[in-house]
Amino acid sequence: MKNKITLVARLLLGFVFFAGGIAGLLHLAPMPPDLPERMVTFNAGLMASGYFMPFLKATETVCGALLLSGFYVPLALVILAPIVIHITFVNAFLMPSGLPIAIVLIVLTAHLAFFSAYSGPIKQLFRKKP
């Protein structure tokens, strides 16, 4: 049963990031018209940099593909962890209506990183070196 939960969590998280990355790279999803003003300003700043959003969406696409394929899952989780934290903070402070989705992303990431078969390499990162 635990393996099935891990598989579903990995595939769900992988699909979210792969689809979100592709949609962002190819500009498939228009900006919702009812975003809070601070969120619009924040997104405009990221887009104005010229490099950040394509880099972020490419990273999400690659890590999502790694999760979907099952290859290098611990690496994908380590790379996605700061992105998930940032998504959570952005939603908490700029658009609280998106917080439930951010919490689901945190739960899926935490389960895969610390309570699944992929936790070994990640837990090694937190061990004190002799």
N, C-alpha and C. Protein backbone atom coordinates (compact mmCIF):
# COMPACT_ATOMS: atom_id res chain seq x y z
N MET A 1 0.82 -1.20 0.00
CA MET A 1 0.00 0.00 0.00
C MET A 1 0.86 1.26 0.00
N LYS A 2 1.95 1.24 0.80
CA LYS A 2 2.83 2.41 0.88
C LYS A 2 3.47 2.69 -0.48
N ASN A 3 3.82 1.62 -1.23
CA ASN A 3 4.41 1.82 -2.55
C ASN A 3 3.43 2.47 -3.51
N LYS A 4 2.15 2.14 -3.40
CA LYS A 4 1.14 2.75 -4.26
C LYS A 4 0.97 4.23 -3.95
N ILE A 5 0.99 4.56 -2.68
CA ILE A 5 0.87 5.97 -2.28
C ILE A 5 2.07 6.76 -2.80
N THR A 6 3.25 6.18 -2.68
CA THR A 6 4.46 6.83 -3.18
C THR A 6 4.40 7.00 -4.69
N LEU A 7 3.94 5.98 -5.40
CA LEU A 7 3.83 6.07 -6.85
C LEU A 7 2.84 7.16 -7.25
N VAL A 8 1.70 7.20 -6.61
CA VAL A 8 0.69 8.22 -6.93
C VAL A 8 1.24 9.62 -6.61
N ALA A 9 1.90 9.77 -5.47
CA ALA A 9 2.47 11.07 -5.09
C ALA A 9 3.52 11.50 -6.11
N ARG A 10 4.38 10.58 -6.52
CA ARG A 10 5.44 10.91 -7.49
C ARG A 10 4.84 11.30 -8.84
N LEU A 11 3.87 10.53 -9.31
CA LEU A 11 3.27 10.84 -10.61
C LEU A 11 2.46 12.14 -10.57
N LEU A 12 1.74 12.37 -9.49
CA LEU A 12 0.96 13.59 -9.37
C LEU A 12 1.86 14.82 -9.32
N LEU A 13 2.89 14.77 -8.49
CA LEU A 13 3.82 15.89 -8.40
C LEU A 13 4.55 16.09 -9.73
N GLY A 14 4.95 14.99 -10.34
CA GLY A 14 5.62 15.07 -11.64
C GLY A 14 4.73 15.69 -12.70
N PHE A 15 3.46 15.28 -12.73
CA PHE A 15 2.54 15.84 -13.72
C PHE A 15 2.32 17.33 -13.49
N VAL A 16 2.15 17.73 -12.24
CA VAL A 16 1.92 19.15 -11.94
C VAL A 16 3.09 20.00 -12.45
N PHE A 17 4.32 19.57 -12.15
CA PHE A 17 5.47 20.38 -12.55
C PHE A 17 5.76 20.26 -14.04
N PHE A 18 5.59 19.07 -14.61
CA PHE A 18 5.84 18.92 -16.05
C PHE A 18 4.82 19.73 -16.84
N ALA A 19 3.56 19.59 -16.52
CA ALA A 19 2.51 20.33 -17.25
C ALA A 19 2.63 21.83 -17.02
N GLY A 20 2.90 22.23 -15.78
CA GLY A 20 3.07 23.65 -15.49
C GLY A 20 4.27 24.25 -16.20
N GLY A 21 5.34 23.49 -16.26
CA GLY A 21 6.55 23.96 -16.95
C GLY A 21 6.33 24.11 -18.44
N ILE A 22 5.71 23.09 -19.04
CA ILE A 22 5.42 23.17 -20.48
C ILE A 22 4.47 24.32 -20.79
N ALA A 23 3.42 24.45 -19.98
CA ALA A 23 2.46 25.54 -20.19
C ALA A 23 3.14 26.90 -20.08
N GLY A 24 4.07 27.04 -19.14
CA GLY A 24 4.78 28.30 -18.99
C GLY A 24 5.76 28.57 -20.12
N LEU A 25 6.46 27.53 -20.56
CA LEU A 25 7.43 27.72 -21.65
C LEU A 25 6.75 28.06 -22.97
N LEU A 26 5.61 27.43 -23.21
CA LEU A 26 4.91 27.63 -24.48
C LEU A 26 3.81 28.68 -24.40
N HIS A 27 3.68 29.33 -23.24
CA HIS A 27 2.67 30.36 -23.01
C HIS A 27 1.26 29.85 -23.35
N LEU A 28 0.93 28.67 -22.84
CA LEU A 28 -0.36 28.05 -23.12
C LEU A 28 -1.46 28.52 -22.18
N ALA A 29 -1.09 29.02 -21.02
CA ALA A 29 -2.09 29.44 -20.03
C ALA A 29 -2.03 30.96 -19.88
N PRO A 30 -3.10 31.66 -20.23
CA PRO A 30 -3.10 33.11 -20.07
C PRO A 30 -3.17 33.49 -18.59
N MET A 31 -2.71 34.69 -18.29
CA MET A 31 -2.76 35.20 -16.93
C MET A 31 -4.21 35.41 -16.52
N PRO A 32 -4.63 34.86 -15.38
CA PRO A 32 -6.02 35.07 -14.94
C PRO A 32 -6.29 36.57 -14.73
N PRO A 33 -7.46 37.04 -15.13
CA PRO A 33 -7.74 38.48 -15.04
C PRO A 33 -8.01 38.97 -13.62
N ASP A 34 -8.32 38.08 -12.70
CA ASP A 34 -8.71 38.50 -11.35
C ASP A 34 -7.59 38.35 -10.32
N LEU A 35 -6.34 38.42 -10.75
CA LEU A 35 -5.23 38.32 -9.81
C LEU A 35 -5.14 39.58 -8.96
N PRO A 36 -4.74 39.43 -7.69
CA PRO A 36 -4.51 40.62 -6.86
C PRO A 36 -3.42 41.51 -7.46
N GLU A 37 -3.52 42.79 -7.21
CA GLU A 37 -2.58 43.75 -7.80
C GLU A 37 -1.13 43.44 -7.44
N ARG A 38 -0.89 43.06 -6.18
CA ARG A 38 0.49 42.74 -5.76
C ARG A 38 1.02 41.53 -6.52
N MET A 39 0.16 40.57 -6.83
CA MET A 39 0.59 39.38 -7.57
C MET A 39 0.92 39.74 -9.02
N VAL A 40 0.13 40.63 -9.60
CA VAL A 40 0.41 41.10 -10.96
C VAL A 40 1.76 41.81 -11.01
N THR A 41 2.01 42.66 -10.03
CA THR A 41 3.28 43.38 -9.96
C THR A 41 4.45 42.41 -9.78
N PHE A 42 4.28 41.43 -8.92
CA PHE A 42 5.32 40.42 -8.69
C PHE A 42 5.62 39.67 -9.98
N ASN A 43 4.59 39.18 -10.66
CA ASN A 43 4.79 38.45 -11.92
C ASN A 43 5.43 39.33 -12.98
N ALA A 44 5.03 40.60 -13.04
CA ALA A 44 5.61 41.51 -14.02
C ALA A 44 7.10 41.69 -13.76
N GLY A 45 7.49 41.75 -12.49
CA GLY A 45 8.90 41.87 -12.16
C GLY A 45 9.70 40.65 -12.59
N LEU A 46 9.14 39.47 -12.36
CA LEU A 46 9.84 38.24 -12.78
C LEU A 46 9.95 38.17 -14.30
N MET A 47 8.89 38.55 -14.98
CA MET A 47 8.91 38.52 -16.45
C MET A 47 9.88 39.57 -17.01
N ALA A 48 9.99 40.70 -16.33
CA ALA A 48 10.86 41.77 -16.81
C ALA A 48 12.33 41.39 -16.79
N SER A 49 12.70 40.44 -15.95
CA SER A 49 14.10 40.03 -15.90
C SER A 49 14.54 39.41 -17.22
N GLY A 50 13.62 38.82 -17.93
CA GLY A 50 13.93 38.25 -19.24
C GLY A 50 14.43 36.82 -19.20
N TYR A 51 15.07 36.42 -18.12
CA TYR A 51 15.63 35.07 -18.06
C TYR A 51 14.97 34.19 -17.00
N PHE A 52 14.42 34.78 -15.97
CA PHE A 52 14.02 33.99 -14.80
C PHE A 52 12.87 33.03 -15.10
N MET A 53 11.81 33.51 -15.71
CA MET A 53 10.65 32.65 -15.95
C MET A 53 10.97 31.50 -16.91
N PRO A 54 11.68 31.73 -18.02
CA PRO A 54 12.05 30.58 -18.86
C PRO A 54 12.94 29.58 -18.12
N PHE A 55 13.86 30.08 -17.30
CA PHE A 55 14.73 29.19 -16.52
C PHE A 55 13.90 28.38 -15.51
N LEU A 56 12.99 29.05 -14.81
CA LEU A 56 12.15 28.38 -13.83
C LEU A 56 11.28 27.32 -14.50
N LYS A 57 10.63 27.67 -15.60
CA LYS A 57 9.74 26.74 -16.28
C LYS A 57 10.51 25.58 -16.90
N ALA A 58 11.71 25.82 -17.39
CA ALA A 58 12.54 24.72 -17.91
C ALA A 58 12.94 23.78 -16.78
N THR A 59 13.29 24.34 -15.62
CA THR A 59 13.63 23.52 -14.45
C THR A 59 12.44 22.70 -14.01
N GLU A 60 11.26 23.30 -13.95
CA GLU A 60 10.05 22.57 -13.57
C GLU A 60 9.76 21.45 -14.57
N THR A 61 9.94 21.71 -15.86
CA THR A 61 9.68 20.70 -16.88
C THR A 61 10.63 19.52 -16.74
N VAL A 62 11.90 19.79 -16.59
CA VAL A 62 12.90 18.72 -16.47
C VAL A 62 12.67 17.91 -15.19
N CYS A 63 12.45 18.58 -14.08
CA CYS A 63 12.23 17.87 -12.81
C CYS A 63 10.91 17.10 -12.84
N GLY A 64 9.90 17.67 -13.45
CA GLY A 64 8.64 16.95 -13.61
C GLY A 64 8.82 15.69 -14.44
N ALA A 65 9.60 15.79 -15.51
CA ALA A 65 9.87 14.62 -16.35
C ALA A 65 10.66 13.56 -15.58
N LEU A 66 11.60 14.00 -14.75
CA LEU A 66 12.35 13.05 -13.92
C LEU A 66 11.41 12.33 -12.94
N LEU A 67 10.50 13.05 -12.34
CA LEU A 67 9.55 12.43 -11.41
C LEU A 67 8.64 11.46 -12.16
N LEU A 68 8.16 11.85 -13.32
CA LEU A 68 7.28 10.98 -14.09
C LEU A 68 7.99 9.70 -14.54
N SER A 69 9.25 9.84 -14.91
CA SER A 69 10.01 8.68 -15.41
C SER A 69 10.55 7.80 -14.29
N GLY A 70 10.70 8.37 -13.09
CA GLY A 70 11.25 7.61 -11.97
C GLY A 70 12.76 7.62 -11.90
N PHE A 71 13.41 8.35 -12.80
CA PHE A 71 14.87 8.46 -12.79
C PHE A 71 15.30 9.67 -11.97
N TYR A 72 16.33 9.51 -11.17
CA TYR A 72 16.90 10.61 -10.38
C TYR A 72 15.84 11.36 -9.56
N VAL A 73 14.93 10.63 -8.97
CA VAL A 73 13.86 11.24 -8.18
C VAL A 73 14.41 12.06 -7.01
N PRO A 74 15.38 11.55 -6.23
CA PRO A 74 15.89 12.39 -5.13
C PRO A 74 16.48 13.72 -5.63
N LEU A 75 17.18 13.69 -6.75
CA LEU A 75 17.74 14.92 -7.31
C LEU A 75 16.61 15.89 -7.69
N ALA A 76 15.59 15.38 -8.34
CA ALA A 76 14.46 16.22 -8.73
C ALA A 76 13.80 16.83 -7.50
N LEU A 77 13.65 16.05 -6.44
CA LEU A 77 13.02 16.56 -5.21
C LEU A 77 13.86 17.65 -4.56
N VAL A 78 15.17 17.47 -4.56
CA VAL A 78 16.06 18.49 -3.96
C VAL A 78 15.98 19.79 -4.78
N ILE A 79 15.92 19.67 -6.09
CA ILE A 79 15.84 20.87 -6.93
C ILE A 79 14.48 21.55 -6.78
N LEU A 80 13.41 20.75 -6.67
CA LEU A 80 12.07 21.31 -6.58
C LEU A 80 11.73 21.87 -5.20
N ALA A 81 12.43 21.45 -4.16
CA ALA A 81 12.10 21.89 -2.80
C ALA A 81 12.06 23.41 -2.65
N PRO A 82 13.08 24.15 -3.10
CA PRO A 82 12.98 25.61 -2.96
C PRO A 82 11.88 26.22 -3.81
N ILE A 83 11.56 25.59 -4.93
CA ILE A 83 10.48 26.08 -5.78
C ILE A 83 9.15 25.91 -5.06
N VAL A 84 8.95 24.76 -4.42
CA VAL A 84 7.71 24.50 -3.68
C VAL A 84 7.59 25.46 -2.50
N ILE A 85 8.68 25.71 -1.81
CA ILE A 85 8.66 26.66 -0.69
C ILE A 85 8.31 28.06 -1.20
N HIS A 86 8.89 28.45 -2.31
CA HIS A 86 8.60 29.77 -2.88
C HIS A 86 7.14 29.87 -3.32
N ILE A 87 6.62 28.82 -3.95
CA ILE A 87 5.21 28.81 -4.34
C ILE A 87 4.33 29.01 -3.10
N THR A 88 4.68 28.35 -2.02
CA THR A 88 3.91 28.47 -0.78
C THR A 88 3.96 29.90 -0.23
N PHE A 89 5.14 30.49 -0.18
CA PHE A 89 5.26 31.86 0.34
C PHE A 89 4.53 32.87 -0.55
N VAL A 90 4.67 32.73 -1.85
CA VAL A 90 3.98 33.64 -2.76
C VAL A 90 2.48 33.57 -2.54
N ASN A 91 1.97 32.34 -2.43
CA ASN A 91 0.53 32.20 -2.21
C ASN A 91 0.12 32.67 -0.82
N ALA A 92 0.94 32.44 0.17
CA ALA A 92 0.59 32.87 1.53
C ALA A 92 0.54 34.39 1.65
N PHE A 93 1.47 35.07 0.99
CA PHE A 93 1.58 36.51 1.18
C PHE A 93 0.91 37.34 0.08
N LEU A 94 0.83 36.81 -1.13
CA LEU A 94 0.31 37.61 -2.24
C LEU A 94 -1.05 37.14 -2.76
N MET A 95 -1.34 35.85 -2.62
CA MET A 95 -2.60 35.33 -3.17
C MET A 95 -3.07 34.13 -2.32
N PRO A 96 -3.64 34.40 -1.16
CA PRO A 96 -4.03 33.32 -0.25
C PRO A 96 -5.01 32.31 -0.84
N SER A 97 -5.71 32.66 -1.89
CA SER A 97 -6.65 31.71 -2.49
C SER A 97 -5.93 30.50 -3.10
N GLY A 98 -4.66 30.63 -3.41
CA GLY A 98 -3.89 29.53 -3.98
C GLY A 98 -3.20 28.68 -2.94
N LEU A 99 -3.37 29.01 -1.67
CA LEU A 99 -2.67 28.29 -0.60
C LEU A 99 -3.03 26.80 -0.51
N PRO A 100 -4.27 26.38 -0.72
CA PRO A 100 -4.55 24.94 -0.66
C PRO A 100 -3.72 24.10 -1.64
N ILE A 101 -3.53 24.61 -2.84
CA ILE A 101 -2.71 23.89 -3.82
C ILE A 101 -1.27 23.85 -3.36
N ALA A 102 -0.78 24.94 -2.81
CA ALA A 102 0.60 24.98 -2.31
C ALA A 102 0.79 23.98 -1.18
N ILE A 103 -0.20 23.84 -0.32
CA ILE A 103 -0.10 22.89 0.79
C ILE A 103 -0.07 21.46 0.25
N VAL A 104 -0.85 21.18 -0.77
CA VAL A 104 -0.81 19.85 -1.40
C VAL A 104 0.58 19.58 -1.97
N LEU A 105 1.19 20.57 -2.61
CA LEU A 105 2.54 20.41 -3.15
C LEU A 105 3.55 20.13 -2.03
N ILE A 106 3.41 20.83 -0.91
CA ILE A 106 4.32 20.60 0.22
C ILE A 106 4.15 19.18 0.76
N VAL A 107 2.91 18.74 0.92
CA VAL A 107 2.66 17.39 1.45
C VAL A 107 3.23 16.33 0.51
N LEU A 108 3.00 16.47 -0.79
CA LEU A 108 3.52 15.50 -1.75
C LEU A 108 5.05 15.48 -1.74
N THR A 109 5.65 16.65 -1.74
CA THR A 109 7.11 16.74 -1.74
C THR A 109 7.69 16.18 -0.45
N ALA A 110 7.11 16.53 0.68
CA ALA A 110 7.61 16.04 1.97
C ALA A 110 7.45 14.53 2.07
N HIS A 111 6.34 14.00 1.59
CA HIS A 111 6.15 12.55 1.64
C HIS A 111 7.24 11.85 0.82
N LEU A 112 7.46 12.32 -0.40
CA LEU A 112 8.46 11.68 -1.25
C LEU A 112 9.87 11.85 -0.69
N ALA A 113 10.15 13.01 -0.12
CA ALA A 113 11.50 13.30 0.34
C ALA A 113 11.85 12.63 1.67
N PHE A 114 10.87 12.44 2.54
CA PHE A 114 11.21 11.98 3.89
C PHE A 114 10.50 10.70 4.33
N PHE A 115 9.47 10.27 3.62
CA PHE A 115 8.70 9.11 4.08
C PHE A 115 8.51 8.06 3.00
N SER A 116 9.41 8.00 2.04
CA SER A 116 9.27 7.03 0.96
C SER A 116 10.61 6.35 0.71
N ALA A 117 10.63 5.53 -0.30
CA ALA A 117 11.86 4.82 -0.66
C ALA A 117 12.94 5.77 -1.17
N TYR A 118 12.56 7.00 -1.52
CA TYR A 118 13.52 7.99 -2.03
C TYR A 118 14.17 8.80 -0.91
N SER A 119 13.81 8.54 0.32
CA SER A 119 14.26 9.39 1.43
C SER A 119 15.73 9.18 1.80
N GLY A 120 16.29 8.01 1.52
CA GLY A 120 17.66 7.72 1.92
C GLY A 120 18.68 8.75 1.47
N PRO A 121 18.78 9.00 0.15
CA PRO A 121 19.76 9.99 -0.30
C PRO A 121 19.48 11.40 0.22
N ILE A 122 18.21 11.74 0.38
CA ILE A 122 17.88 13.08 0.86
C ILE A 122 18.23 13.23 2.33
N LYS A 123 17.94 12.21 3.12
CA LYS A 123 18.29 12.27 4.54
C LYS A 123 19.80 12.34 4.74
N GLN A 124 20.57 11.81 3.81
CA GLN A 124 22.03 11.91 3.90
C GLN A 124 22.50 13.36 3.86
N LEU A 125 21.74 14.20 3.21
CA LEU A 125 22.11 15.62 3.12
C LEU A 125 22.05 16.32 4.48
N PHE A 126 21.26 15.74 5.41
CA PHE A 126 21.06 16.37 6.71
C PHE A 126 21.91 15.73 7.82
N ARG A 127 22.72 14.78 7.47
CA ARG A 127 23.57 14.12 8.48
C ARG A 127 24.84 14.91 8.70
N LYS A 128 25.27 14.91 9.95
CA LYS A 128 26.50 15.59 10.31
C LYS A 128 27.68 14.78 9.77
N LYS A 129 28.57 15.45 9.12
CA LYS A 129 29.76 14.79 8.56
C LYS A 129 30.80 14.61 9.67
N PRO A 130 31.47 13.46 9.69
CA PRO A 130 32.48 13.24 10.76
C PRO A 130 33.72 14.09 10.57
